[in-house]
Amino acid sequence: MASPSEAKVGLATLCDGRSSGEVIQLKLTPEVLVLLREEYVHRDAPAEENGNNSILDVVRTVEVCRDTEGGLGLSVKGGCEHKLPALISRIIPDQAAARTQQLFVGDAILKVNEESIEGLSHDQVIEVLKSAGDHVTLTVKYFKPAAVFLNKSHDAEHFNDNERTASPPGVILPRIEKTWVVYSSIPLLYAYLTRYRSGTDQLRSNAFELVGIDGNTSGVLQFDDNHSLAEWLAAITNNIHGLLSQMIKMMNTLLLPEEQIQFMGWSQQRGSPGKRTQPWTPKYVALKGPDIYLFDVPPMQAKDWFNCDTVFHVYECMFKVLQDSELVDDKQHCCSIQTTSREMIYLSLESRAELLQLEKAWYRTNHTAITRLKVKTFGCTYQGRLSGLALDFDVGFSLYDSQTKTYMWTYKFSQLKGSSDDGRQKLKLHFSSDKPGQVETREVECSSLQLLLFCIHAFLSAKLASVDPTFLANY
């Protein structure tokens, strides 16, 4: 059972692989991970503070006497190449433009000495201003849309207090503040979290990536230390599992007992275990009824289960948690699922806990499937006679002779001491006899040898779970 959902707020570095990264804020809720970045935003002043804004609509004429050293004492941005008028972007304190007290950051220059400069490029405007003489007449009009942007510098440390007053009297510009702004949010239901570089076995250092069901990603989130990383991994994973548990519980209320879902979750599948160059791809694993399903995307509707291309009965497969010496590359927490077609499905889960959860669900699914199946019979030959080898959950091994229509022999599952096969058709089963210390060997030939071996293993596992209540409890 999942722990209660967590809410968490903190900082991480969003890495794009090309720069040192950007500090962002993370907000975790039970359903969503929200990512925020710091941006400048406009805070409009209350309407009663805006006073008389009539100057915004007035075309003004201002006389400026050029200084010998400082020139006109203003800077200009814009021009026709920017699809903007020539805009006063800075007024230098105590110089010519500032002394007029009639020019402001955000004024658009319409004319210089009664000659229109509209339609000129930035460089052309600068040239006109430089050659305008010592006494310059500027025709201007306040351009509020650009003024908001240009006055952004008034909230920075680059300018002194005198420059911050360079706006028209009675006009209060929106304040420009730096604040956290939401730029992405990722729903946690059906999302997956990975520390590995996409498609590889390369583990990131103190970083992970969260991928939503729609493919939207958090990007690579880097943390300062292992402790912070572990806290965020645990919190996000807990919330994902909590949502998924609720979804499975709801879906199971609509399913028959024999079709219940035991497990759903993301894994990574390796294309070919024998080749290190093969990439890892996300696969959604589900254990439902007697079957294991592998999806490219999680099943959202009932028809998705029927349309799944990769589905097998669990009792016809061999599941194995791999030890470190059996791993094919540096990817950890791996398992293999061998099918009767000798296909090897090689999966990796994000953590040891998730791998063990899958293993536990596998044995529960197998136990439920076998106890419902009860008996599975395989056609074979015994001593040259057509026979049927029955695996009976209640009885054990039984060999039925087709000609005499009688059972040739029967052994309990607990009597099986071992087996050997030639890898093709012949199988030897070694049973303890009623006589102490003696072993009886029965040899059969079966064309479906691989399937028979997997089913024997499945029946033995299910029987052990029934005889020993702690077996499933430990899983």
Protein backbone atom coordinates (compact mmCIF):
# COMPACT_ATOMS: atom_id res chain seq x y z
CA MET A 1 0.00 0.00 0.00
CA ALA A 2 1.34 3.40 -0.99
CA SER A 3 2.19 5.96 1.66
CA PRO A 4 0.11 9.14 1.91
CA SER A 5 0.73 11.56 -0.94
CA GLU A 6 3.42 14.17 -0.42
CA ALA A 7 3.55 17.90 -1.16
CA LYS A 8 6.99 19.37 -1.59
CA VAL A 9 8.67 22.58 -2.78
CA GLY A 10 12.32 23.05 -3.64
CA LEU A 11 14.93 24.13 -6.16
CA ALA A 12 16.75 22.21 -8.88
CA THR A 13 18.91 23.02 -11.87
CA LEU A 14 17.38 22.40 -15.27
CA CYS A 15 20.17 21.15 -17.54
CA ASP A 16 19.93 21.34 -21.32
CA GLY A 17 23.38 19.89 -21.96
CA ARG A 18 24.63 23.06 -23.62
CA SER A 19 24.95 25.49 -20.72
CA SER A 20 25.50 25.49 -16.98
CA GLY A 21 21.74 25.19 -16.50
CA GLU A 22 18.94 27.29 -15.06
CA VAL A 23 17.74 27.28 -11.47
CA ILE A 24 14.04 26.41 -11.34
CA GLN A 25 11.50 25.82 -8.61
CA LEU A 26 9.70 22.50 -8.23
CA LYS A 27 6.26 22.18 -6.66
CA LEU A 28 5.03 18.66 -6.05
CA THR A 29 1.35 17.99 -5.43
CA PRO A 30 -0.34 14.59 -5.12
CA GLU A 31 -1.25 14.71 -8.83
CA VAL A 32 1.26 16.99 -10.60
CA LEU A 33 4.88 18.13 -10.65
CA VAL A 34 4.91 21.85 -11.47
CA LEU A 35 8.04 23.55 -12.80
CA LEU A 36 8.49 27.30 -12.40
CA ARG A 37 11.20 29.63 -13.70
CA GLU A 38 12.03 33.17 -12.62
CA GLU A 39 10.76 35.78 -15.06
CA TYR A 40 10.13 39.51 -15.11
CA VAL A 41 6.40 40.27 -14.88
CA HIS A 42 4.46 43.55 -14.90
CA ARG A 43 2.57 44.52 -11.77
CA ASP A 44 -0.01 47.13 -12.80
CA ALA A 45 -0.49 49.97 -10.35
CA PRO A 46 -3.99 50.42 -8.89
CA ALA A 47 -6.24 52.58 -11.04
CA GLU A 48 -6.43 55.35 -8.42
CA GLU A 49 -2.63 55.76 -8.56
CA ASN A 50 -2.49 56.35 -12.30
CA GLY A 51 -3.50 60.01 -12.08
CA ASN A 52 -3.79 62.05 -15.25
CA ASN A 53 -2.42 60.12 -18.21
CA SER A 54 -3.30 62.78 -20.79
CA ILE A 55 0.40 63.19 -21.61
CA LEU A 56 0.25 59.80 -23.25
CA ASP A 57 -1.81 61.26 -26.10
CA VAL A 58 0.14 64.48 -26.57
CA VAL A 59 2.73 65.17 -29.28
CA ARG A 60 5.36 67.37 -27.62
CA THR A 61 8.15 69.58 -28.92
CA VAL A 62 11.27 69.81 -26.77
CA GLU A 63 14.37 71.98 -27.26
CA VAL A 64 17.67 70.34 -26.31
CA CYS A 65 21.01 72.16 -26.12
CA ARG A 66 23.80 69.74 -26.90
CA ASP A 67 26.65 69.52 -24.39
CA THR A 68 30.20 69.75 -25.64
CA GLU A 69 31.21 66.43 -24.06
CA GLY A 70 28.00 64.53 -23.32
CA GLY A 71 26.11 65.36 -26.48
CA LEU A 72 22.33 65.13 -26.13
CA GLY A 73 22.61 62.91 -23.05
CA LEU A 74 20.27 60.18 -24.23
CA SER A 75 20.33 56.75 -25.82
CA VAL A 76 18.06 55.49 -28.58
CA LYS A 77 16.76 52.04 -29.47
CA GLY A 78 14.47 50.84 -32.22
CA GLY A 79 14.30 51.75 -35.89
CA CYS A 80 12.46 50.48 -38.94
CA GLU A 81 14.46 47.22 -39.05
CA HIS A 82 12.92 46.39 -35.65
CA LYS A 83 9.46 47.55 -36.73
CA LEU A 84 9.63 50.16 -33.96
CA PRO A 85 9.93 53.94 -33.85
CA ALA A 86 13.16 55.50 -32.56
CA LEU A 87 12.69 55.23 -28.79
CA ILE A 88 14.53 57.03 -26.00
CA SER A 89 15.87 54.11 -23.97
CA ARG A 90 18.03 56.02 -21.48
CA ILE A 91 18.33 59.55 -20.16
CA ILE A 92 21.65 60.29 -18.50
CA PRO A 93 21.36 62.28 -15.28
CA ASP A 94 22.59 65.89 -15.25
CA GLN A 95 23.11 65.98 -19.01
CA ALA A 96 21.27 67.85 -21.78
CA ALA A 97 18.10 65.75 -22.16
CA ALA A 98 17.68 65.36 -18.40
CA ARG A 99 17.94 69.11 -17.83
CA THR A 100 14.91 69.76 -20.06
CA GLN A 101 12.76 67.73 -17.62
CA GLN A 102 10.47 67.18 -20.61
CA LEU A 103 11.93 64.01 -22.13
CA PHE A 104 11.28 60.54 -20.74
CA VAL A 105 12.33 56.95 -21.25
CA GLY A 106 9.73 55.58 -23.63
CA ASP A 107 9.36 58.73 -25.77
CA ALA A 108 9.21 57.98 -29.49
CA ILE A 109 11.13 60.55 -31.56
CA LEU A 110 8.92 61.52 -34.49
CA LYS A 111 10.90 64.45 -35.89
CA VAL A 112 14.36 65.99 -35.52
CA ASN A 113 14.43 69.77 -36.34
CA GLU A 114 10.98 69.42 -37.92
CA GLU A 115 12.13 66.65 -40.27
CA SER A 116 10.37 63.30 -39.91
CA ILE A 117 12.58 60.35 -39.04
CA GLU A 118 9.80 57.78 -39.25
CA GLY A 119 10.86 54.92 -41.50
CA LEU A 120 14.57 55.37 -40.79
CA SER A 121 16.81 52.60 -39.51
CA HIS A 122 18.50 52.80 -36.12
CA ASP A 123 21.84 53.78 -37.64
CA GLN A 124 20.17 56.46 -39.77
CA VAL A 125 18.44 57.95 -36.73
CA ILE A 126 21.74 58.10 -34.84
CA GLU A 127 23.35 59.88 -37.78
CA VAL A 128 20.52 62.41 -37.97
CA LEU A 129 20.83 63.16 -34.25
CA LYS A 130 24.60 63.55 -34.47
CA SER A 131 24.36 66.03 -37.35
CA ALA A 132 21.39 68.01 -36.00
CA GLY A 133 23.51 70.86 -34.60
CA ASP A 134 23.94 72.29 -31.12
CA HIS A 135 20.30 73.27 -30.68
CA VAL A 136 18.05 70.35 -31.48
CA THR A 137 14.27 70.37 -31.66
CA LEU A 138 12.77 66.94 -30.92
CA THR A 139 9.15 66.15 -31.64
CA VAL A 140 8.16 63.23 -29.41
CA LYS A 141 5.20 61.22 -28.22
CA TYR A 142 5.16 58.87 -25.24
CA PHE A 143 4.98 55.23 -26.37
CA LYS A 144 3.75 53.26 -23.37
CA PRO A 145 4.07 49.69 -24.78
CA ALA A 146 7.80 50.16 -25.29
CA ALA A 147 8.14 52.24 -22.12
CA VAL A 148 7.20 49.26 -19.98
CA PHE A 149 10.00 47.25 -21.52
CA LEU A 150 12.55 50.05 -21.48
CA ASN A 151 11.80 50.99 -17.87
CA LYS A 152 12.62 47.44 -16.86
CA SER A 153 16.13 48.72 -16.25
CA HIS A 154 14.78 51.10 -13.64
CA ASP A 155 14.32 48.12 -11.31
CA ALA A 156 17.87 46.90 -11.82
CA GLU A 157 21.05 47.92 -10.14
CA HIS A 158 22.55 49.52 -13.26
CA PHE A 159 20.87 52.91 -12.78
CA ASN A 160 20.81 55.44 -9.97
CA ASP A 161 17.77 56.95 -8.31
CA ASN A 162 17.73 59.97 -10.64
CA GLU A 163 17.26 57.74 -13.66
CA ARG A 164 14.39 55.92 -12.01
CA THR A 165 12.28 59.08 -12.10
CA ALA A 166 12.54 59.38 -15.87
CA SER A 167 8.83 58.87 -16.58
CA PRO A 168 6.20 61.50 -17.35
CA PRO A 169 4.51 63.29 -14.45
CA GLY A 170 1.22 61.67 -13.53
CA VAL A 171 2.12 58.43 -15.31
CA ILE A 172 2.82 55.39 -13.14
CA LEU A 173 4.31 52.57 -15.17
CA PRO A 174 3.64 48.97 -14.24
CA ARG A 175 6.23 47.73 -11.80
CA ILE A 176 8.49 45.07 -13.23
CA GLU A 177 9.26 42.33 -10.73
CA LYS A 178 11.08 39.03 -10.88
CA THR A 179 8.86 36.18 -9.76
CA TRP A 180 8.35 32.44 -10.21
CA VAL A 181 6.14 31.71 -13.22
CA VAL A 182 4.74 28.30 -14.16
CA TYR A 183 6.11 27.13 -17.49
CA SER A 184 5.42 23.38 -17.33
CA SER A 185 3.43 20.85 -15.35
CA ILE A 186 3.53 17.07 -15.64
CA PRO A 187 0.63 14.90 -14.45
CA LEU A 188 1.95 12.03 -12.33
CA LEU A 189 -0.63 9.40 -13.30
CA TYR A 190 1.11 6.98 -15.71
CA ALA A 191 4.27 9.13 -15.63
CA TYR A 192 7.69 7.57 -15.20
CA LEU A 193 10.87 8.80 -13.62
CA THR A 194 14.34 7.78 -14.73
CA ARG A 195 17.91 8.56 -13.68
CA TYR A 196 19.34 7.10 -16.88
CA ARG A 197 20.19 8.97 -20.05
CA SER A 198 17.49 8.30 -22.62
CA GLY A 199 17.94 4.94 -24.35
CA THR A 200 21.20 4.11 -22.59
CA ASP A 201 22.61 2.41 -19.50
CA GLN A 202 24.41 5.60 -18.44
CA LEU A 203 23.36 6.75 -14.98
CA ARG A 204 23.15 10.49 -14.43
CA SER A 205 24.86 11.95 -11.38
CA ASN A 206 22.43 13.50 -8.88
CA ALA A 207 19.83 13.99 -11.61
CA PHE A 208 16.63 12.52 -13.02
CA GLU A 209 13.99 13.17 -15.66
CA LEU A 210 10.22 12.87 -15.31
CA VAL A 211 8.25 11.91 -18.42
CA GLY A 212 4.47 12.28 -18.58
CA ILE A 213 2.07 9.99 -20.39
CA ASP A 214 1.85 12.53 -23.24
CA GLY A 215 5.62 12.51 -23.68
CA ASN A 216 6.02 15.90 -22.02
CA THR A 217 9.22 15.90 -19.98
CA SER A 218 10.60 17.85 -17.06
CA GLY A 219 14.01 17.94 -18.70
CA VAL A 220 17.04 16.80 -16.74
CA LEU A 221 16.73 18.02 -13.15
CA GLN A 222 20.05 18.26 -11.31
CA PHE A 223 20.34 18.42 -7.51
CA ASP A 224 23.14 19.63 -5.26
CA ASP A 225 23.68 16.37 -3.42
CA ASN A 226 22.55 12.76 -3.07
CA HIS A 227 20.34 13.57 -0.09
CA SER A 228 18.23 16.10 -2.03
CA LEU A 229 18.06 13.76 -5.00
CA ALA A 230 16.89 10.85 -2.85
CA GLU A 231 14.20 12.97 -1.16
CA TRP A 232 12.74 14.12 -4.49
CA LEU A 233 12.96 10.65 -6.03
CA ALA A 234 11.11 9.15 -3.06
CA ALA A 235 8.43 11.86 -2.96
CA ILE A 236 7.64 11.78 -6.70
CA THR A 237 7.77 7.98 -6.89
CA ASN A 238 5.45 7.70 -3.88
CA ASN A 239 2.88 9.99 -5.47
CA ILE A 240 3.07 8.15 -8.81
CA HIS A 241 2.52 4.81 -7.06
CA GLY A 242 -0.30 6.26 -4.97
CA LEU A 243 -2.19 7.43 -8.04
CA LEU A 244 -1.53 4.15 -9.84
CA SER A 245 -2.78 2.11 -6.89
CA GLN A 246 -6.00 4.10 -6.88
CA MET A 247 -6.39 3.54 -10.63
CA ILE A 248 -5.79 -0.22 -10.35
CA LYS A 249 -8.28 -0.45 -7.49
CA MET A 250 -10.91 1.39 -9.52
CA MET A 251 -10.29 -0.75 -12.63
CA ASN A 252 -10.50 -3.97 -10.62
CA THR A 253 -13.99 -3.07 -9.41
CA LEU A 254 -15.07 -3.38 -13.06
CA LEU A 255 -13.24 -6.67 -13.73
CA LEU A 256 -14.13 -10.29 -12.98
CA PRO A 257 -12.12 -11.95 -10.17
CA GLU A 258 -10.14 -14.00 -12.70
CA GLU A 259 -9.21 -10.84 -14.64
CA GLN A 260 -7.92 -8.72 -11.77
CA ILE A 261 -4.85 -6.51 -12.29
CA GLN A 262 -1.93 -7.36 -10.00
CA PHE A 263 0.65 -4.91 -11.33
CA MET A 264 1.10 -1.97 -13.69
CA GLY A 265 4.20 0.15 -14.15
CA TRP A 266 6.94 1.39 -16.45
CA SER A 267 10.10 -0.51 -17.28
CA GLN A 268 12.86 -0.21 -19.85
CA GLN A 269 13.27 -3.02 -22.39
CA ARG A 270 16.55 -3.81 -24.08
CA GLY A 271 16.22 -4.60 -27.76
CA SER A 272 18.74 -7.42 -27.85
CA PRO A 273 20.53 -8.66 -24.72
CA GLY A 274 23.50 -9.86 -26.74
CA LYS A 275 24.39 -6.48 -28.23
CA ARG A 276 25.61 -3.60 -26.11
CA THR A 277 24.75 -1.12 -28.85
CA GLN A 278 21.03 -1.82 -28.67
CA PRO A 279 19.09 1.02 -27.03
CA TRP A 280 16.68 0.74 -24.15
CA THR A 281 13.07 1.71 -24.83
CA PRO A 282 10.22 2.39 -22.37
CA LYS A 283 7.73 -0.45 -21.97
CA TYR A 284 4.63 -0.46 -19.81
CA VAL A 285 4.27 -3.76 -17.96
CA ALA A 286 0.96 -5.10 -16.69
CA LEU A 287 -0.01 -8.36 -14.96
CA LYS A 288 -3.71 -8.97 -15.48
CA GLY A 289 -5.61 -12.20 -15.05
CA PRO A 290 -3.22 -15.03 -16.00
CA ASP A 291 -1.21 -12.87 -18.41
CA ILE A 292 1.67 -10.45 -18.70
CA TYR A 293 1.27 -7.55 -21.13
CA LEU A 294 3.91 -5.24 -22.61
CA PHE A 295 2.59 -1.94 -23.99
CA ASP A 296 4.23 1.02 -25.69
CA VAL A 297 1.76 3.28 -23.87
CA PRO A 298 -0.39 2.51 -20.82
CA PRO A 299 -3.80 0.91 -21.48
CA MET A 300 -6.42 3.64 -21.16
CA GLN A 301 -9.48 1.76 -22.48
CA ALA A 302 -10.76 -1.82 -22.40
CA LYS A 303 -9.93 -2.32 -26.09
CA ASP A 304 -6.26 -1.55 -25.42
CA TRP A 305 -5.92 -4.85 -23.55
CA PHE A 306 -7.32 -6.79 -26.51
CA ASN A 307 -5.11 -4.95 -29.00
CA CYS A 308 -1.85 -5.56 -27.12
CA ASP A 309 0.72 -7.17 -29.43
CA THR A 310 2.88 -8.68 -26.68
CA VAL A 311 0.98 -10.85 -24.21
CA PHE A 312 1.84 -14.23 -22.65
CA HIS A 313 0.41 -16.57 -20.01
CA VAL A 314 2.67 -16.24 -16.97
CA TYR A 315 2.67 -20.01 -16.38
CA GLU A 316 4.07 -20.50 -19.90
CA CYS A 317 7.06 -18.21 -19.21
CA MET A 318 10.07 -18.27 -16.95
CA PHE A 319 10.63 -15.17 -14.82
CA LYS A 320 14.00 -14.47 -13.24
CA VAL A 321 15.47 -11.61 -11.24
CA LEU A 322 19.02 -11.19 -12.53
CA GLN A 323 22.08 -11.05 -10.32
CA ASP A 324 24.85 -8.52 -10.91
CA SER A 325 26.97 -11.12 -12.73
CA GLU A 326 24.10 -11.72 -15.19
CA LEU A 327 23.59 -8.10 -16.25
CA VAL A 328 24.41 -7.38 -19.90
CA ASP A 329 25.45 -3.75 -19.32
CA ASP A 330 25.47 -1.10 -16.59
CA LYS A 331 21.67 -0.93 -16.27
CA GLN A 332 20.61 -2.10 -12.81
CA HIS A 333 17.51 -3.79 -11.32
CA CYS A 334 16.93 -6.18 -14.24
CA CYS A 335 14.86 -9.28 -14.86
CA SER A 336 14.35 -11.65 -17.75
CA ILE A 337 11.19 -13.30 -19.05
CA GLN A 338 11.80 -16.30 -21.28
CA THR A 339 8.91 -17.42 -23.48
CA THR A 340 8.26 -20.80 -25.07
CA SER A 341 9.36 -19.38 -28.44
CA ARG A 342 12.77 -18.95 -26.77
CA GLU A 343 12.36 -15.18 -26.97
CA MET A 344 14.13 -13.44 -24.11
CA ILE A 345 12.45 -10.30 -22.81
CA TYR A 346 15.01 -8.27 -20.88
CA LEU A 347 13.61 -5.56 -18.60
CA SER A 348 15.05 -2.99 -16.20
CA LEU A 349 13.10 -1.18 -13.51
CA GLU A 350 14.06 2.10 -11.91
CA SER A 351 14.70 0.77 -8.41
CA ARG A 352 15.22 -2.43 -6.50
CA ALA A 353 11.90 -1.88 -4.74
CA GLU A 354 10.02 -1.71 -8.06
CA LEU A 355 11.76 -4.85 -9.32
CA LEU A 356 10.77 -6.77 -6.19
CA GLN A 357 7.23 -5.46 -6.51
CA LEU A 358 7.07 -6.90 -10.05
CA GLU A 359 8.50 -10.22 -8.83
CA LYS A 360 5.94 -10.40 -6.03
CA ALA A 361 3.11 -9.63 -8.45
CA TRP A 362 4.39 -12.29 -10.86
CA TYR A 363 4.19 -15.06 -8.25
CA ARG A 364 0.78 -13.90 -7.08
CA THR A 365 -0.47 -13.84 -10.68
CA ASN A 366 0.97 -17.31 -11.31
CA HIS A 367 -0.59 -18.72 -8.12
CA THR A 368 -4.01 -17.33 -9.00
CA ALA A 369 -3.76 -18.56 -12.61
CA ILE A 370 -2.71 -22.12 -11.67
CA THR A 371 -5.30 -22.52 -8.92
CA ARG A 372 -7.97 -21.55 -11.47
CA LEU A 373 -6.48 -23.64 -14.28
CA LYS A 374 -6.23 -26.74 -12.02
CA VAL A 375 -5.00 -29.14 -14.72
CA LYS A 376 -2.86 -28.86 -17.84
CA THR A 377 -2.16 -31.93 -20.00
CA PHE A 378 0.64 -32.42 -22.53
CA GLY A 379 0.66 -34.98 -25.31
CA CYS A 380 3.75 -37.19 -25.12
CA THR A 381 5.05 -40.71 -25.57
CA TYR A 382 6.05 -43.00 -22.73
CA GLN A 383 7.82 -46.28 -23.51
CA GLY A 384 6.79 -45.81 -27.12
CA ARG A 385 3.07 -45.43 -26.32
CA LEU A 386 0.95 -42.31 -26.89
CA SER A 387 0.20 -40.79 -23.51
CA GLY A 388 -0.87 -37.66 -21.74
CA LEU A 389 1.25 -36.13 -18.97
CA ALA A 390 -1.11 -34.24 -16.67
CA LEU A 391 -0.02 -31.55 -14.24
CA ASP A 392 -2.78 -31.53 -11.66
CA PHE A 393 -2.68 -28.87 -8.94
CA ASP A 394 -4.38 -31.17 -6.43
CA VAL A 395 -2.88 -34.51 -7.45
CA GLY A 396 0.57 -33.87 -8.92
CA PHE A 397 2.12 -35.64 -11.94
CA SER A 398 0.00 -38.27 -13.69
CA LEU A 399 0.65 -40.23 -16.89
CA TYR A 400 -2.44 -41.37 -18.77
CA ASP A 401 -2.09 -44.16 -21.33
CA SER A 402 -4.24 -43.50 -24.41
CA GLN A 403 -4.51 -47.14 -25.40
CA THR A 404 -5.53 -48.67 -22.08
CA LYS A 405 -7.22 -45.49 -20.91
CA THR A 406 -5.65 -45.91 -17.49
CA TYR A 407 -3.12 -44.00 -15.43
CA MET A 408 0.32 -45.60 -15.64
CA TRP A 409 1.74 -43.72 -12.66
CA THR A 410 1.08 -40.79 -10.33
CA TYR A 411 3.42 -38.78 -8.09
CA LYS A 412 2.89 -35.86 -5.80
CA PHE A 413 4.68 -32.62 -6.61
CA SER A 414 6.62 -33.03 -3.38
CA GLN A 415 8.08 -36.32 -4.68
CA LEU A 416 9.91 -34.67 -7.56
CA LYS A 417 13.61 -34.66 -6.74
CA GLY A 418 15.00 -33.41 -10.01
CA SER A 419 14.83 -33.51 -13.77
CA SER A 420 17.03 -33.53 -16.85
CA ASP A 421 16.38 -33.09 -20.57
CA ASP A 422 18.15 -33.18 -23.91
CA GLY A 423 16.96 -29.71 -24.93
CA ARG A 424 14.78 -31.15 -27.69
CA GLN A 425 12.08 -33.64 -26.69
CA LYS A 426 13.28 -36.05 -24.02
CA LEU A 427 12.60 -35.33 -20.36
CA LYS A 428 13.57 -37.43 -17.36
CA LEU A 429 11.70 -36.88 -14.11
CA HIS A 430 13.25 -38.25 -10.94
CA PHE A 431 10.80 -39.07 -8.13
CA SER A 432 11.31 -40.41 -4.64
CA SER A 433 9.66 -43.80 -4.29
CA ASP A 434 7.75 -45.29 -1.42
CA LYS A 435 10.91 -47.19 -0.52
CA PRO A 436 13.25 -44.98 1.55
CA GLY A 437 16.33 -43.74 -0.30
CA GLN A 438 15.21 -44.99 -3.71
CA VAL A 439 14.52 -42.81 -6.76
CA GLU A 440 12.28 -43.74 -9.69
CA THR A 441 13.01 -42.16 -13.07
CA ARG A 442 10.31 -41.66 -15.67
CA GLU A 443 11.29 -40.64 -19.20
CA VAL A 444 8.82 -39.05 -21.60
CA GLU A 445 9.14 -37.45 -25.01
CA CYS A 446 7.21 -34.26 -25.63
CA SER A 447 7.32 -32.04 -28.73
CA SER A 448 6.46 -29.02 -26.53
CA LEU A 449 9.34 -29.64 -24.15
CA GLN A 450 10.05 -25.98 -23.36
CA LEU A 451 6.40 -25.26 -22.58
CA LEU A 452 6.20 -28.39 -20.42
CA LEU A 453 9.24 -27.35 -18.39
CA PHE A 454 7.91 -23.84 -17.80
CA CYS A 455 4.51 -25.18 -16.73
CA ILE A 456 6.10 -27.68 -14.33
CA HIS A 457 7.97 -24.79 -12.74
CA ALA A 458 4.75 -22.74 -12.57
CA PHE A 459 2.77 -25.57 -10.93
CA LEU A 460 5.54 -26.24 -8.41
CA SER A 461 5.71 -22.56 -7.52
CA ALA A 462 1.94 -22.32 -7.09
CA LYS A 463 1.87 -25.50 -4.99
CA LEU A 464 4.63 -24.20 -2.74
CA ALA A 465 2.70 -20.97 -2.25
CA SER A 466 -0.38 -22.94 -1.21
CA VAL A 467 1.46 -25.32 1.12
CA ASP A 468 3.63 -22.59 2.68
CA PRO A 469 1.56 -19.46 3.45
CA THR A 470 4.73 -17.48 4.05
CA PHE A 471 5.86 -17.95 0.43
CA LEU A 472 3.58 -15.29 -1.04
CA ALA A 473 3.75 -13.23 2.12
CA ASN A 474 7.49 -12.93 1.60
CA TYR A 475 6.81 -11.75 -1.91
